[in-house]
N, C-alpha and C. Protein backbone atom coordinates (compact mmCIF):
# COMPACT_ATOMS: atom_id res chain seq x y z
N MET A 1 -14.27 -5.31 15.43
CA MET A 1 -13.04 -4.67 15.00
C MET A 1 -13.18 -4.26 13.53
N HIS A 2 -12.84 -3.02 13.22
CA HIS A 2 -12.93 -2.50 11.86
C HIS A 2 -11.64 -2.79 11.09
N HIS A 3 -11.78 -3.28 9.89
CA HIS A 3 -10.64 -3.48 9.01
C HIS A 3 -10.87 -2.67 7.75
N ALA A 4 -9.85 -1.93 7.34
CA ALA A 4 -9.96 -1.17 6.10
C ALA A 4 -10.05 -2.12 4.92
N PRO A 5 -10.80 -1.75 3.90
CA PRO A 5 -10.95 -2.65 2.76
C PRO A 5 -9.72 -2.69 1.85
N ILE A 6 -8.84 -1.70 1.96
CA ILE A 6 -7.63 -1.68 1.12
C ILE A 6 -6.42 -1.84 2.02
N LEU A 7 -5.60 -2.83 1.71
CA LEU A 7 -4.40 -3.09 2.49
C LEU A 7 -3.16 -2.78 1.67
N VAL A 8 -2.25 -2.02 2.27
CA VAL A 8 -0.93 -1.83 1.70
C VAL A 8 0.00 -2.58 2.64
N HIS A 9 0.50 -3.71 2.17
CA HIS A 9 1.27 -4.64 2.99
C HIS A 9 2.67 -4.12 3.28
N PRO A 10 3.38 -4.74 4.23
CA PRO A 10 4.75 -4.31 4.54
C PRO A 10 5.66 -4.43 3.31
N LEU A 11 6.78 -3.74 3.40
CA LEU A 11 7.77 -3.76 2.32
C LEU A 11 8.21 -5.18 1.98
N ALA A 12 8.32 -5.44 0.68
CA ALA A 12 8.91 -6.69 0.22
C ALA A 12 10.43 -6.56 0.34
N PRO A 13 11.16 -7.66 0.50
CA PRO A 13 12.62 -7.58 0.65
C PRO A 13 13.30 -6.82 -0.49
N ALA A 14 12.79 -6.92 -1.70
CA ALA A 14 13.41 -6.23 -2.84
C ALA A 14 12.81 -4.84 -3.06
N GLY A 15 11.92 -4.41 -2.18
CA GLY A 15 11.26 -3.11 -2.33
C GLY A 15 9.85 -3.28 -2.88
N GLY A 16 9.08 -2.25 -2.76
CA GLY A 16 7.69 -2.28 -3.20
C GLY A 16 6.79 -2.86 -2.12
N ARG A 17 5.51 -2.62 -2.27
CA ARG A 17 4.51 -3.10 -1.32
C ARG A 17 3.33 -3.68 -2.07
N ARG A 18 2.91 -4.86 -1.65
CA ARG A 18 1.73 -5.49 -2.24
C ARG A 18 0.50 -4.71 -1.79
N VAL A 19 -0.44 -4.56 -2.70
CA VAL A 19 -1.70 -3.86 -2.42
C VAL A 19 -2.82 -4.85 -2.67
N SER A 20 -3.72 -4.97 -1.69
CA SER A 20 -4.84 -5.89 -1.88
C SER A 20 -6.14 -5.23 -1.43
N LEU A 21 -7.23 -5.80 -1.92
CA LEU A 21 -8.57 -5.32 -1.64
C LEU A 21 -9.32 -6.42 -0.91
N ARG A 22 -9.88 -6.08 0.26
CA ARG A 22 -10.70 -7.02 1.04
C ARG A 22 -12.14 -6.84 0.64
N ALA A 23 -12.75 -7.93 0.22
CA ALA A 23 -14.18 -7.88 -0.12
C ALA A 23 -14.78 -9.24 0.12
N GLU A 24 -15.88 -9.27 0.83
CA GLU A 24 -16.62 -10.51 1.09
C GLU A 24 -15.73 -11.60 1.66
N GLY A 25 -14.87 -11.22 2.59
CA GLY A 25 -14.03 -12.20 3.28
C GLY A 25 -12.83 -12.70 2.50
N GLN A 26 -12.56 -12.13 1.35
CA GLN A 26 -11.41 -12.55 0.56
C GLN A 26 -10.53 -11.35 0.23
N ASP A 27 -9.22 -11.60 0.14
CA ASP A 27 -8.28 -10.58 -0.29
C ASP A 27 -7.92 -10.82 -1.74
N THR A 28 -8.02 -9.78 -2.55
CA THR A 28 -7.63 -9.85 -3.95
C THR A 28 -6.42 -8.95 -4.14
N VAL A 29 -5.31 -9.52 -4.62
CA VAL A 29 -4.10 -8.73 -4.84
C VAL A 29 -4.32 -7.86 -6.08
N LEU A 30 -4.09 -6.55 -5.90
CA LEU A 30 -4.23 -5.60 -6.99
C LEU A 30 -2.92 -5.35 -7.71
N GLY A 31 -1.79 -5.54 -7.01
CA GLY A 31 -0.50 -5.34 -7.64
C GLY A 31 0.58 -5.03 -6.63
N LEU A 32 1.78 -4.79 -7.14
CA LEU A 32 2.93 -4.43 -6.33
C LEU A 32 3.26 -2.97 -6.61
N ALA A 33 3.14 -2.14 -5.59
CA ALA A 33 3.33 -0.70 -5.74
C ALA A 33 4.74 -0.29 -5.36
N PHE A 34 5.29 0.62 -6.16
CA PHE A 34 6.61 1.18 -5.87
C PHE A 34 6.53 2.66 -5.54
N ASP A 35 5.31 3.21 -5.58
CA ASP A 35 5.08 4.60 -5.16
C ASP A 35 3.57 4.82 -5.01
N ASP A 36 3.21 6.00 -4.52
CA ASP A 36 1.79 6.31 -4.31
C ASP A 36 1.01 6.28 -5.62
N ALA A 37 1.64 6.69 -6.73
CA ALA A 37 0.95 6.69 -8.02
C ALA A 37 0.51 5.29 -8.41
N ASP A 38 1.32 4.28 -8.09
CA ASP A 38 0.93 2.89 -8.37
C ASP A 38 -0.30 2.51 -7.57
N VAL A 39 -0.32 2.84 -6.28
CA VAL A 39 -1.46 2.50 -5.43
C VAL A 39 -2.72 3.19 -5.96
N ILE A 40 -2.60 4.46 -6.32
CA ILE A 40 -3.73 5.21 -6.85
C ILE A 40 -4.26 4.55 -8.12
N GLU A 41 -3.36 4.12 -9.00
CA GLU A 41 -3.79 3.48 -10.25
C GLU A 41 -4.48 2.15 -9.98
N PHE A 42 -3.95 1.34 -9.06
CA PHE A 42 -4.59 0.06 -8.72
C PHE A 42 -6.00 0.30 -8.22
N LEU A 43 -6.17 1.31 -7.36
CA LEU A 43 -7.50 1.60 -6.80
C LEU A 43 -8.44 2.14 -7.86
N ARG A 44 -7.91 2.96 -8.77
CA ARG A 44 -8.74 3.48 -9.88
C ARG A 44 -9.26 2.32 -10.72
N ARG A 45 -8.37 1.37 -11.05
CA ARG A 45 -8.78 0.21 -11.85
C ARG A 45 -9.79 -0.67 -11.12
N ALA A 46 -9.71 -0.67 -9.77
CA ALA A 46 -10.64 -1.48 -8.98
C ALA A 46 -11.98 -0.78 -8.77
N GLY A 47 -12.08 0.46 -9.26
CA GLY A 47 -13.34 1.18 -9.15
C GLY A 47 -13.54 1.95 -7.86
N VAL A 48 -12.46 2.19 -7.11
CA VAL A 48 -12.57 2.95 -5.87
C VAL A 48 -12.79 4.43 -6.22
N PRO A 49 -13.86 5.03 -5.68
CA PRO A 49 -14.09 6.45 -5.96
C PRO A 49 -13.03 7.31 -5.28
N ASP A 50 -12.57 8.33 -5.97
CA ASP A 50 -11.56 9.26 -5.44
C ASP A 50 -10.33 8.55 -4.90
N PRO A 51 -9.65 7.76 -5.71
CA PRO A 51 -8.49 7.02 -5.21
C PRO A 51 -7.36 7.93 -4.72
N ASP A 52 -7.23 9.13 -5.29
CA ASP A 52 -6.19 10.06 -4.81
C ASP A 52 -6.43 10.40 -3.34
N ASP A 53 -7.69 10.72 -3.00
CA ASP A 53 -8.01 11.06 -1.62
C ASP A 53 -7.81 9.87 -0.69
N ALA A 54 -8.13 8.67 -1.17
CA ALA A 54 -7.98 7.47 -0.34
C ALA A 54 -6.52 7.23 0.02
N VAL A 55 -5.62 7.51 -0.90
CA VAL A 55 -4.19 7.24 -0.66
C VAL A 55 -3.49 8.42 -0.01
N LEU A 56 -3.75 9.62 -0.50
CA LEU A 56 -3.00 10.78 -0.04
C LEU A 56 -3.67 11.51 1.11
N GLY A 57 -4.97 11.30 1.29
CA GLY A 57 -5.70 11.97 2.36
C GLY A 57 -5.75 11.11 3.61
N ASP A 58 -6.52 11.58 4.56
CA ASP A 58 -6.72 10.84 5.81
C ASP A 58 -7.96 9.98 5.62
N SER A 59 -7.76 8.76 5.16
CA SER A 59 -8.88 7.90 4.81
C SER A 59 -8.89 6.63 5.65
N GLU A 60 -10.08 6.20 6.02
CA GLU A 60 -10.23 4.93 6.72
C GLU A 60 -10.32 3.77 5.74
N LEU A 61 -10.22 4.06 4.43
CA LEU A 61 -10.28 3.01 3.42
C LEU A 61 -8.98 2.23 3.32
N VAL A 62 -7.85 2.88 3.67
CA VAL A 62 -6.53 2.28 3.46
C VAL A 62 -5.89 1.96 4.80
N GLU A 63 -5.40 0.73 4.91
CA GLU A 63 -4.63 0.31 6.09
C GLU A 63 -3.20 0.07 5.64
N TRP A 64 -2.28 0.87 6.19
CA TRP A 64 -0.86 0.74 5.88
C TRP A 64 -0.25 -0.20 6.91
N GLN A 65 0.19 -1.36 6.50
CA GLN A 65 0.76 -2.34 7.42
C GLN A 65 2.28 -2.23 7.43
N GLY A 66 2.87 -2.60 8.56
CA GLY A 66 4.33 -2.59 8.65
C GLY A 66 4.85 -1.17 8.74
N GLU A 67 5.70 -0.81 7.84
CA GLU A 67 6.31 0.51 7.81
C GLU A 67 5.23 1.57 7.68
N GLY A 68 5.61 2.79 7.91
CA GLY A 68 4.65 3.88 7.81
C GLY A 68 4.12 4.08 6.40
N PRO A 69 3.11 4.90 6.28
CA PRO A 69 2.53 5.17 4.97
C PRO A 69 3.54 5.81 4.02
N HIS A 70 3.36 5.53 2.75
CA HIS A 70 4.08 6.18 1.66
C HIS A 70 5.56 5.80 1.58
N LEU A 71 5.98 4.71 2.23
CA LEU A 71 7.35 4.21 2.13
C LEU A 71 7.34 2.98 1.24
N TYR A 72 8.22 2.96 0.24
CA TYR A 72 8.21 1.86 -0.73
C TYR A 72 9.56 1.20 -0.92
N ALA A 73 10.61 1.76 -0.35
CA ALA A 73 11.95 1.18 -0.52
C ALA A 73 12.58 0.99 0.85
N ALA A 74 13.26 -0.11 1.00
CA ALA A 74 13.96 -0.37 2.26
C ALA A 74 15.11 0.62 2.40
N GLU A 75 15.35 1.03 3.62
CA GLU A 75 16.48 1.91 3.88
C GLU A 75 17.77 1.13 3.68
N PRO A 76 18.77 1.75 3.06
CA PRO A 76 20.04 1.04 2.91
C PRO A 76 20.65 0.77 4.27
N PRO A 77 21.38 -0.33 4.41
CA PRO A 77 21.98 -0.62 5.71
C PRO A 77 22.95 0.47 6.10
N ASP A 78 22.98 0.76 7.38
CA ASP A 78 23.88 1.80 7.90
C ASP A 78 25.18 1.12 8.30
N THR A 79 26.08 1.01 7.36
CA THR A 79 27.37 0.35 7.63
C THR A 79 28.49 1.31 7.32
N ASP A 80 29.51 1.20 8.11
CA ASP A 80 30.73 1.98 7.86
C ASP A 80 31.70 1.09 7.10
N ILE A 81 32.01 1.51 5.90
CA ILE A 81 32.96 0.76 5.09
C ILE A 81 34.27 1.53 5.10
N PRO A 82 35.34 0.90 5.58
CA PRO A 82 36.63 1.64 5.67
C PRO A 82 37.20 1.95 4.31
């Protein structure tokens, strides 16, 4: 089974997504991202070549867990307030 080396975890309750790097059987947390620019910066600092393409393109380097790709904030509850 193939696992992408970069994980973008499900949304945190307060918003944002943890980003981690899998290497040699260990996950290293790179940071908490609130948008694609954050993820790109974390990957740039980690030495990932072409981090823009890895995040914004169709890359097998990034695994988006939980919600779909590029979502960083929980949807507000759909409630009717009289």
